[in-house]
Amino acid sequence: MDRRRGYAVVAYNDDVAADVIAGAVRSGFNVPGDLSVIGHDNSALSARFVPPISSVEIDMENPGKQSAHLALNLAEEYTMPPLPVATAYLLHRESTGPRQ
């Protein structure tokens, strides 16, 4: 791999990350030795894929509840309560690592 180029991909979701890994391996790259790949959504595929895909999981239930509460407050009181906050978790698996 050309050391002047990037060596990591942050994919839209875990399915896209799996496609990136498959394409990289077919092209002769080692994941994560030559290329680190991380997905988003922590799908069931991410833990079963080879190599297992590192993924970002976002808790969407709590912000959803907060958003509904926000909408009701705005409809009734016309005041702006605090905005909802989502919590994100990084699940480090074998698709990411130091460059080799």
Protein backbone atom coordinates (compact mmCIF):
# COMPACT_ATOMS: atom_id res chain seq x y z
CA MET A 1 0.00 0.00 0.00
CA ASP A 2 1.23 3.49 -0.82
CA ARG A 3 2.14 5.08 2.53
CA ARG A 4 1.13 8.53 1.24
CA ARG A 5 -2.49 7.47 1.06
CA GLY A 6 -4.98 6.98 3.85
CA TYR A 7 -5.38 3.57 5.31
CA ALA A 8 -8.77 3.65 7.01
CA VAL A 9 -12.39 3.62 5.88
CA VAL A 10 -15.36 4.72 7.98
CA ALA A 11 -18.31 3.08 6.26
CA TYR A 12 -21.95 4.21 6.21
CA ASN A 13 -23.00 1.00 7.99
CA ASP A 14 -21.73 -2.50 8.71
CA ASP A 15 -23.01 -3.92 5.41
CA VAL A 16 -20.97 -1.37 3.46
CA ALA A 17 -17.98 -2.06 5.73
CA ALA A 18 -18.27 -5.78 4.86
CA ASP A 19 -18.26 -4.92 1.14
CA VAL A 20 -15.21 -2.68 1.60
CA ILE A 21 -13.36 -5.46 3.43
CA ALA A 22 -14.30 -8.06 0.81
CA GLY A 23 -13.11 -5.78 -2.00
CA ALA A 24 -9.88 -4.95 -0.19
CA VAL A 25 -9.09 -8.62 0.46
CA ARG A 26 -9.84 -9.53 -3.19
CA SER A 27 -7.43 -6.75 -4.19
CA GLY A 28 -4.66 -8.20 -2.04
CA PHE A 29 -4.90 -5.94 1.00
CA ASN A 30 -4.69 -7.21 4.55
CA VAL A 31 -7.42 -5.98 6.90
CA PRO A 32 -6.44 -4.47 9.33
CA GLY A 33 -2.71 -4.65 8.48
CA ASP A 34 -2.98 -2.50 5.33
CA LEU A 35 -6.45 -1.05 5.79
CA SER A 36 -8.63 -0.50 8.88
CA VAL A 37 -12.39 -0.55 8.35
CA ILE A 38 -15.11 0.52 10.76
CA GLY A 39 -18.86 0.31 10.27
CA HIS A 40 -21.83 1.91 11.90
CA ASP A 41 -24.94 0.34 13.47
CA ASN A 42 -23.44 -2.77 15.12
CA SER A 43 -25.51 -5.18 13.03
CA ALA A 44 -25.41 -8.91 13.70
CA LEU A 45 -23.18 -9.24 10.62
CA SER A 46 -20.41 -7.19 12.22
CA ALA A 47 -19.57 -9.82 14.85
CA ARG A 48 -19.84 -12.79 12.44
CA PHE A 49 -17.87 -11.36 9.51
CA VAL A 50 -14.21 -12.34 8.99
CA PRO A 51 -12.51 -10.32 10.29
CA PRO A 52 -15.15 -9.13 12.76
CA ILE A 53 -16.03 -5.52 11.95
CA SER A 54 -15.40 -2.71 14.44
CA SER A 55 -18.59 -0.70 14.67
CA VAL A 56 -20.15 2.38 16.23
CA GLU A 57 -23.46 1.78 17.95
CA ILE A 58 -25.70 4.72 18.82
CA ASP A 59 -28.46 4.47 21.40
CA MET A 60 -31.42 5.83 19.44
CA GLU A 61 -34.19 4.86 21.88
CA ASN A 62 -33.44 7.52 24.48
CA PRO A 63 -33.06 10.40 21.96
CA GLY A 64 -36.30 9.25 20.32
CA LYS A 65 -38.16 9.51 23.62
CA GLN A 66 -36.52 12.88 24.33
CA SER A 67 -37.53 14.15 20.87
CA ALA A 68 -41.16 13.15 21.43
CA HIS A 69 -41.10 14.93 24.79
CA LEU A 70 -39.52 17.97 23.12
CA ALA A 71 -42.27 18.09 20.49
CA LEU A 72 -44.98 17.88 23.15
CA ASN A 73 -43.32 20.62 25.21
CA LEU A 74 -43.02 22.91 22.20
CA ALA A 75 -46.65 22.31 21.25
CA GLU A 76 -47.88 23.14 24.74
CA GLU A 77 -45.44 25.65 26.22
CA TYR A 78 -43.56 27.20 23.31
CA THR A 79 -40.32 26.97 25.25
CA MET A 80 -37.21 25.20 24.13
CA PRO A 81 -36.11 22.44 26.54
CA PRO A 82 -32.62 20.92 26.25
CA LEU A 83 -31.98 19.08 22.99
CA PRO A 84 -31.77 15.28 23.02
CA VAL A 85 -28.33 13.71 23.24
CA ALA A 86 -27.41 10.34 21.75
CA THR A 87 -24.85 8.07 23.37
CA ALA A 88 -22.39 6.34 21.04
CA TYR A 89 -20.33 3.26 21.76
CA LEU A 90 -17.28 2.02 19.86
CA LEU A 91 -17.12 -1.75 19.59
CA HIS A 92 -13.51 -2.49 18.72
CA ARG A 93 -13.13 -5.71 16.78
CA GLU A 94 -10.52 -7.17 14.43
CA SER A 95 -11.17 -4.97 11.36
CA THR A 96 -9.28 -2.04 12.88
CA GLY A 97 -5.78 -1.89 14.22
CA PRO A 98 -2.38 -0.31 13.85
CA ARG A 99 -0.81 -0.15 10.41
CA GLN A 100 1.65 -2.96 9.79
